[in-house]
């Protein structure tokens, strides 16, 4: 089964004043989607609460993640470090019917890794730190007697997709394929969750054949 999301266009007023509070309020009417499929639950039964919502403007894609987990880890602070070892949220997106795709991987403090290419990892290449810096990241971390929560908002300008010319009309006129993930390879209880189901014997997010559909309206 392939999940799909209909994505509404958002108008950003005072776009130059972007902040966590501003973007959180902007996305307040957008529905949440769960990152709740523990594809390898026999080996990795722990499943933190994870969800996301997504919208787009005439120049950017906006994604907000909300996570509740027992440990929040953000060891890495330099782009293209092994971000997946931290508390990590990931967004993989393909504009060419899943032949090639971008992978966006970010931890709670905004350190990121972005790659592009086919699923053959030796043929993939990472964006530079300067290119990754085009993604604006706003986060909020809560730790209390009730547990640990964090939220991350990404403002992804179309220019970040450096191997394509992405426009508002392109998104509206094409079916886009993607998947969303929550992982933490080096957390006390590693986990590998996805939005769209992955049918593979071992943890692997680099399987575009299991991407769902994004329908930009």
C-alpha atoms as a PDB file:
ATOM      1  CA  UNK A   1       0.000   0.000   0.000  1.00  0.00           C
ATOM      2  CA  UNK A   2       1.288   3.450  -0.928  1.00  0.00           C
ATOM      3  CA  UNK A   3       0.500   6.360   1.366  1.00  0.00           C
ATOM      4  CA  UNK A   4      -0.247   9.724  -0.171  1.00  0.00           C
ATOM      5  CA  UNK A   5      -0.537  13.270   1.150  1.00  0.00           C
ATOM      6  CA  UNK A   6      -2.317  16.212  -0.427  1.00  0.00           C
ATOM      7  CA  UNK A   7      -0.162  19.263   0.285  1.00  0.00           C
ATOM      8  CA  UNK A   8      -1.714  22.689   0.512  1.00  0.00           C
ATOM      9  CA  UNK A   9      -0.088  25.893  -0.651  1.00  0.00           C
ATOM     10  CA  UNK A  10       0.743  28.320   2.159  1.00  0.00           C
ATOM     11  CA  UNK A  11       1.079  32.074   2.000  1.00  0.00           C
ATOM     12  CA  UNK A  12       3.815  33.427   4.254  1.00  0.00           C
ATOM     13  CA  UNK A  13       3.199  36.924   5.476  1.00  0.00           C
ATOM     14  CA  UNK A  14       6.293  38.777   6.721  1.00  0.00           C
ATOM     15  CA  UNK A  15       8.405  36.041   5.146  1.00  0.00           C
ATOM     16  CA  UNK A  16      11.611  37.861   6.100  1.00  0.00           C
ATOM     17  CA  UNK A  17      10.771  37.423   9.791  1.00  0.00           C
ATOM     18  CA  UNK A  18      10.916  33.624   9.839  1.00  0.00           C
ATOM     19  CA  UNK A  19      11.186  32.050  13.288  1.00  0.00           C
ATOM     20  CA  UNK A  20      10.021  28.901  15.055  1.00  0.00           C
ATOM     21  CA  UNK A  21       6.953  30.635  16.462  1.00  0.00           C
ATOM     22  CA  UNK A  22       6.076  32.265  13.136  1.00  0.00           C
ATOM     23  CA  UNK A  23       6.366  29.045  11.113  1.00  0.00           C
ATOM     24  CA  UNK A  24       4.641  26.945  13.788  1.00  0.00           C
ATOM     25  CA  UNK A  25       1.655  29.293  13.634  1.00  0.00           C
ATOM     26  CA  UNK A  26       1.763  29.296   9.836  1.00  0.00           C
ATOM     27  CA  UNK A  27       1.486  25.497   9.800  1.00  0.00           C
ATOM     28  CA  UNK A  28      -1.113  25.324  12.562  1.00  0.00           C
ATOM     29  CA  UNK A  29      -3.979  24.416  10.215  1.00  0.00           C
ATOM     30  CA  UNK A  30      -2.022  21.701   8.390  1.00  0.00           C
ATOM     31  CA  UNK A  31      -2.788  18.075   9.326  1.00  0.00           C
ATOM     32  CA  UNK A  32      -0.208  15.852  10.974  1.00  0.00           C
ATOM     33  CA  UNK A  33       0.976  12.534   9.518  1.00  0.00           C
ATOM     34  CA  UNK A  34       2.468   9.721  11.552  1.00  0.00           C
ATOM     35  CA  UNK A  35       5.967   8.296  11.223  1.00  0.00           C
ATOM     36  CA  UNK A  36       4.819   5.191  12.990  1.00  0.00           C
ATOM     37  CA  UNK A  37       5.713   2.082  11.009  1.00  0.00           C
ATOM     38  CA  UNK A  38       8.343   0.028  12.821  1.00  0.00           C
ATOM     39  CA  UNK A  39       9.311  -2.122   9.860  1.00  0.00           C
ATOM     40  CA  UNK A  40      11.872  -4.110  11.877  1.00  0.00           C
ATOM     41  CA  UNK A  41      10.098  -4.273  15.221  1.00  0.00           C
ATOM     42  CA  UNK A  42      11.322  -7.753  16.105  1.00  0.00           C
ATOM     43  CA  UNK A  43      14.898  -6.525  16.297  1.00  0.00           C
ATOM     44  CA  UNK A  44      14.102  -2.873  17.118  1.00  0.00           C
ATOM     45  CA  UNK A  45      10.841  -2.794  19.116  1.00  0.00           C
ATOM     46  CA  UNK A  46      11.215   0.707  20.581  1.00  0.00           C
ATOM     47  CA  UNK A  47       9.028   3.220  18.732  1.00  0.00           C
ATOM     48  CA  UNK A  48       9.087   6.853  19.848  1.00  0.00           C
ATOM     49  CA  UNK A  49       6.146   9.077  18.983  1.00  0.00           C
ATOM     50  CA  UNK A  50       6.932  10.814  15.698  1.00  0.00           C
ATOM     51  CA  UNK A  51       4.848  12.843  13.270  1.00  0.00           C
ATOM     52  CA  UNK A  52       5.235  15.518  10.606  1.00  0.00           C
ATOM     53  CA  UNK A  53       3.266  18.044   8.625  1.00  0.00           C
ATOM     54  CA  UNK A  54       4.189  19.609   5.323  1.00  0.00           C
ATOM     55  CA  UNK A  55       3.224  22.609   3.207  1.00  0.00           C
ATOM     56  CA  UNK A  56       4.734  24.687   0.442  1.00  0.00           C
ATOM     57  CA  UNK A  57       4.977  28.266  -0.777  1.00  0.00           C
ATOM     58  CA  UNK A  58       5.898  29.702  -4.164  1.00  0.00           C
ATOM     59  CA  UNK A  59       9.571  29.285  -3.289  1.00  0.00           C
ATOM     60  CA  UNK A  60      10.030  26.663  -0.548  1.00  0.00           C
ATOM     61  CA  UNK A  61       8.840  23.452   1.095  1.00  0.00           C
ATOM     62  CA  UNK A  62       8.088  23.592   4.829  1.00  0.00           C
ATOM     63  CA  UNK A  63       8.242  20.518   7.051  1.00  0.00           C
ATOM     64  CA  UNK A  64       7.607  20.351  10.778  1.00  0.00           C
ATOM     65  CA  UNK A  65       8.482  17.279  12.837  1.00  0.00           C
ATOM     66  CA  UNK A  66       7.283  16.599  16.369  1.00  0.00           C
ATOM     67  CA  UNK A  67       9.048  13.882  18.356  1.00  0.00           C
ATOM     68  CA  UNK A  68       8.599  12.361  21.816  1.00  0.00           C
ATOM     69  CA  UNK A  69      11.409  10.004  22.782  1.00  0.00           C
ATOM     70  CA  UNK A  70      13.154   8.809  25.922  1.00  0.00           C
ATOM     71  CA  UNK A  71      16.564  10.234  24.980  1.00  0.00           C
ATOM     72  CA  UNK A  72      17.387  13.274  22.843  1.00  0.00           C
ATOM     73  CA  UNK A  73      20.879  13.006  21.398  1.00  0.00           C
ATOM     74  CA  UNK A  74      22.586  15.700  19.324  1.00  0.00           C
ATOM     75  CA  UNK A  75      26.274  14.888  19.364  1.00  0.00           C
ATOM     76  CA  UNK A  76      27.065  16.205  15.888  1.00  0.00           C
ATOM     77  CA  UNK A  77      27.078  19.874  14.955  1.00  0.00           C
ATOM     78  CA  UNK A  78      28.879  19.932  11.592  1.00  0.00           C
ATOM     79  CA  UNK A  79      27.024  19.338   8.332  1.00  0.00           C
ATOM     80  CA  UNK A  80      27.651  15.950   6.704  1.00  0.00           C
ATOM     81  CA  UNK A  81      28.676  14.323   9.974  1.00  0.00           C
ATOM     82  CA  UNK A  82      26.959  10.948  10.667  1.00  0.00           C
ATOM     83  CA  UNK A  83      23.718  12.667  11.664  1.00  0.00           C
ATOM     84  CA  UNK A  84      21.773   9.373  11.623  1.00  0.00           C
ATOM     85  CA  UNK A  85      23.570   8.323  14.814  1.00  0.00           C
ATOM     86  CA  UNK A  86      21.825  11.144  16.721  1.00  0.00           C
ATOM     87  CA  UNK A  87      18.121  11.689  17.256  1.00  0.00           C
ATOM     88  CA  UNK A  88      17.395  12.119  13.585  1.00  0.00           C
ATOM     89  CA  UNK A  89      14.514  12.981  11.277  1.00  0.00           C
ATOM     90  CA  UNK A  90      14.812  12.273   7.567  1.00  0.00           C
ATOM     91  CA  UNK A  91      13.016  13.288   4.373  1.00  0.00           C
ATOM     92  CA  UNK A  92      13.759  11.525   1.085  1.00  0.00           C
ATOM     93  CA  UNK A  93      12.213  12.999  -2.077  1.00  0.00           C
ATOM     94  CA  UNK A  94      12.305  12.074  -5.771  1.00  0.00           C
ATOM     95  CA  UNK A  95      11.291  14.264  -8.717  1.00  0.00           C
ATOM     96  CA  UNK A  96      11.936  11.676 -11.457  1.00  0.00           C
ATOM     97  CA  UNK A  97       9.692   8.737 -10.611  1.00  0.00           C
ATOM     98  CA  UNK A  98      12.082   7.367  -7.958  1.00  0.00           C
ATOM     99  CA  UNK A  99      15.121   6.996 -10.222  1.00  0.00           C
ATOM    100  CA  UNK A 100      17.103   9.505  -8.134  1.00  0.00           C
ATOM    101  CA  UNK A 101      16.302  11.224  -4.874  1.00  0.00           C
ATOM    102  CA  UNK A 102      17.519  13.706  -2.271  1.00  0.00           C
ATOM    103  CA  UNK A 103      17.940  12.608   1.341  1.00  0.00           C
ATOM    104  CA  UNK A 104      17.605  15.285   4.039  1.00  0.00           C
ATOM    105  CA  UNK A 105      18.813  14.122   7.473  1.00  0.00           C
ATOM    106  CA  UNK A 106      18.795  16.525  10.443  1.00  0.00           C
ATOM    107  CA  UNK A 107      19.274  16.317  14.205  1.00  0.00           C
ATOM    108  CA  UNK A 108      17.590  18.485  16.884  1.00  0.00           C
ATOM    109  CA  UNK A 109      20.205  21.264  16.705  1.00  0.00           C
ATOM    110  CA  UNK A 110      20.012  21.658  12.947  1.00  0.00           C
ATOM    111  CA  UNK A 111      23.118  19.811  11.817  1.00  0.00           C
ATOM    112  CA  UNK A 112      22.281  18.237   8.491  1.00  0.00           C
ATOM    113  CA  UNK A 113      23.290  15.878   5.754  1.00  0.00           C
ATOM    114  CA  UNK A 114      21.854  16.077   2.244  1.00  0.00           C
ATOM    115  CA  UNK A 115      22.710  13.662  -0.533  1.00  0.00           C
ATOM    116  CA  UNK A 116      21.517  13.013  -4.084  1.00  0.00           C
ATOM    117  CA  UNK A 117      21.624  10.176  -6.587  1.00  0.00           C
ATOM    118  CA  UNK A 118      20.216   6.674  -7.188  1.00  0.00           C
ATOM    119  CA  UNK A 119      19.819   4.093  -4.449  1.00  0.00           C
ATOM    120  CA  UNK A 120      23.247   2.648  -5.234  1.00  0.00           C
ATOM    121  CA  UNK A 121      25.128   4.392  -2.436  1.00  0.00           C
ATOM    122  CA  UNK A 122      28.462   4.491  -4.265  1.00  0.00           C
ATOM    123  CA  UNK A 123      26.795   6.619  -6.953  1.00  0.00           C
ATOM    124  CA  UNK A 124      25.353   9.151  -4.520  1.00  0.00           C
ATOM    125  CA  UNK A 125      27.002  12.478  -3.695  1.00  0.00           C
ATOM    126  CA  UNK A 126      26.512  14.852  -0.784  1.00  0.00           C
ATOM    127  CA  UNK A 127      25.760  18.529  -1.061  1.00  0.00           C
ATOM    128  CA  UNK A 128      28.327  20.932   0.340  1.00  0.00           C
ATOM    129  CA  UNK A 129      27.961  22.574   3.739  1.00  0.00           C
ATOM    130  CA  UNK A 130      27.263  25.859   1.962  1.00  0.00           C
ATOM    131  CA  UNK A 131      24.429  24.261   0.000  1.00  0.00           C
ATOM    132  CA  UNK A 132      23.014  22.595   3.132  1.00  0.00           C
ATOM    133  CA  UNK A 133      23.022  25.992   4.849  1.00  0.00           C
ATOM    134  CA  UNK A 134      20.304  27.074   2.429  1.00  0.00           C
ATOM    135  CA  UNK A 135      17.909  25.033   4.574  1.00  0.00           C
ATOM    136  CA  UNK A 136      16.769  27.146   7.514  1.00  0.00           C
ATOM    137  CA  UNK A 137      16.116  25.096  10.643  1.00  0.00           C
ATOM    138  CA  UNK A 138      14.156  26.143  13.727  1.00  0.00           C
ATOM    139  CA  UNK A 139      13.888  23.855  16.744  1.00  0.00           C
ATOM    140  CA  UNK A 140      12.293  23.645  20.167  1.00  0.00           C
ATOM    141  CA  UNK A 141      13.397  21.135  22.842  1.00  0.00           C
ATOM    142  CA  UNK A 142      11.443  20.307  25.997  1.00  0.00           C
ATOM    143  CA  UNK A 143      12.744  18.157  28.863  1.00  0.00           C
ATOM    144  CA  UNK A 144      10.619  17.792  31.989  1.00  0.00           C
ATOM    145  CA  UNK A 145       9.226  15.208  34.410  1.00  0.00           C
ATOM    146  CA  UNK A 146       6.741  14.351  31.655  1.00  0.00           C
ATOM    147  CA  UNK A 147       9.483  13.247  29.258  1.00  0.00           C
ATOM    148  CA  UNK A 148      11.530  14.546  26.363  1.00  0.00           C
ATOM    149  CA  UNK A 149      10.050  16.240  23.323  1.00  0.00           C
ATOM    150  CA  UNK A 150      11.468  18.159  20.404  1.00  0.00           C
ATOM    151  CA  UNK A 151      10.119  19.846  17.339  1.00  0.00           C
ATOM    152  CA  UNK A 152      11.984  20.819  14.191  1.00  0.00           C
ATOM    153  CA  UNK A 153      10.815  23.049  11.353  1.00  0.00           C
ATOM    154  CA  UNK A 154      12.671  23.067   8.042  1.00  0.00           C
ATOM    155  CA  UNK A 155      12.326  25.848   5.483  1.00  0.00           C
ATOM    156  CA  UNK A 156      13.707  24.257   2.302  1.00  0.00           C
ATOM    157  CA  UNK A 157      14.104  26.734  -0.578  1.00  0.00           C
ATOM    158  CA  UNK A 158      13.625  25.259  -4.022  1.00  0.00           C
ATOM    159  CA  UNK A 159      17.239  26.193  -4.778  1.00  0.00           C
ATOM    160  CA  UNK A 160      18.353  23.489  -2.340  1.00  0.00           C
ATOM    161  CA  UNK A 161      17.413  20.904  -4.972  1.00  0.00           C
ATOM    162  CA  UNK A 162      20.568  21.729  -6.867  1.00  0.00           C
ATOM    163  CA  UNK A 163      20.178  19.053  -9.535  1.00  0.00           C
ATOM    164  CA  UNK A 164      16.725  20.268 -10.599  1.00  0.00           C
ATOM    165  CA  UNK A 165      14.880  23.444 -11.454  1.00  0.00           C
ATOM    166  CA  UNK A 166      11.984  23.186  -9.018  1.00  0.00           C
ATOM    167  CA  UNK A 167       9.144  25.676  -9.268  1.00  0.00           C
ATOM    168  CA  UNK A 168       5.709  26.066  -7.761  1.00  0.00           C
ATOM    169  CA  UNK A 169       4.090  24.984 -11.037  1.00  0.00           C
ATOM    170  CA  UNK A 170       6.404  21.964 -11.385  1.00  0.00           C
ATOM    171  CA  UNK A 171       5.275  20.646  -8.005  1.00  0.00           C
ATOM    172  CA  UNK A 172       1.598  21.187  -8.853  1.00  0.00           C
ATOM    173  CA  UNK A 173       1.870  19.475 -12.229  1.00  0.00           C
ATOM    174  CA  UNK A 174       3.775  16.345 -11.209  1.00  0.00           C
ATOM    175  CA  UNK A 175       3.415  13.446  -8.797  1.00  0.00           C
ATOM    176  CA  UNK A 176       6.315  13.575  -6.377  1.00  0.00           C
ATOM    177  CA  UNK A 177       7.512  10.538  -4.436  1.00  0.00           C
ATOM    178  CA  UNK A 178       8.903  10.672  -0.901  1.00  0.00           C
ATOM    179  CA  UNK A 179       9.242   9.017   2.477  1.00  0.00           C
ATOM    180  CA  UNK A 180       9.749  10.350   5.989  1.00  0.00           C
ATOM    181  CA  UNK A 181      11.726   8.668   8.741  1.00  0.00           C
ATOM    182  CA  UNK A 182      12.720   8.812  12.390  1.00  0.00           C
ATOM    183  CA  UNK A 183      15.850   7.007  13.484  1.00  0.00           C
ATOM    184  CA  UNK A 184      18.639   7.002  16.031  1.00  0.00           C
ATOM    185  CA  UNK A 185      21.265   4.408  15.241  1.00  0.00           C
ATOM    186  CA  UNK A 186      23.422   5.108  18.310  1.00  0.00           C
ATOM    187  CA  UNK A 187      20.733   5.867  20.849  1.00  0.00           C
ATOM    188  CA  UNK A 188      20.314   3.562  23.883  1.00  0.00           C
ATOM    189  CA  UNK A 189      17.415   1.932  22.039  1.00  0.00           C
ATOM    190  CA  UNK A 190      18.004   2.238  18.294  1.00  0.00           C
ATOM    191  CA  UNK A 191      14.908   2.613  16.130  1.00  0.00           C
ATOM    192  CA  UNK A 192      13.999   2.917  12.461  1.00  0.00           C
ATOM    193  CA  UNK A 193      10.508   4.253  11.759  1.00  0.00           C
ATOM    194  CA  UNK A 194       8.944   5.267   8.459  1.00  0.00           C
ATOM    195  CA  UNK A 195       5.829   6.996   7.146  1.00  0.00           C
ATOM    196  CA  UNK A 196       5.396   4.618   4.204  1.00  0.00           C
ATOM    197  CA  UNK A 197       5.965   0.916   4.806  1.00  0.00           C
ATOM    198  CA  UNK A 198       9.281  -0.646   3.765  1.00  0.00           C
ATOM    199  CA  UNK A 199       9.326  -4.339   2.860  1.00  0.00           C
ATOM    200  CA  UNK A 200      12.961  -5.295   3.406  1.00  0.00           C
ATOM    201  CA  UNK A 201      14.585  -7.767   5.830  1.00  0.00           C
ATOM    202  CA  UNK A 202      17.002  -5.295   7.452  1.00  0.00           C
ATOM    203  CA  UNK A 203      16.883  -1.536   8.206  1.00  0.00           C
ATOM    204  CA  UNK A 204      17.400   0.429   5.013  1.00  0.00           C
ATOM    205  CA  UNK A 205      15.824   3.778   4.155  1.00  0.00           C
ATOM    206  CA  UNK A 206      17.495   4.003   0.737  1.00  0.00           C
ATOM    207  CA  UNK A 207      14.758   2.086  -1.055  1.00  0.00           C
ATOM    208  CA  UNK A 208      12.846   4.545  -3.260  1.00  0.00           C
ATOM    209  CA  UNK A 209      10.542   1.796  -4.503  1.00  0.00           C
ATOM    210  CA  UNK A 210       8.785   2.163  -1.135  1.00  0.00           C
ATOM    211  CA  UNK A 211       8.289   5.929  -1.324  1.00  0.00           C
ATOM    212  CA  UNK A 212       4.751   7.285  -1.004  1.00  0.00           C
ATOM    213  CA  UNK A 213       3.109  10.055  -3.044  1.00  0.00           C
ATOM    214  CA  UNK A 214       3.116  13.802  -2.428  1.00  0.00           C
ATOM    215  CA  UNK A 215       0.321  15.595  -4.281  1.00  0.00           C
ATOM    216  CA  UNK A 216       0.930  19.358  -4.283  1.00  0.00           C
ATOM    217  CA  UNK A 217      -2.356  21.218  -4.682  1.00  0.00           C
END
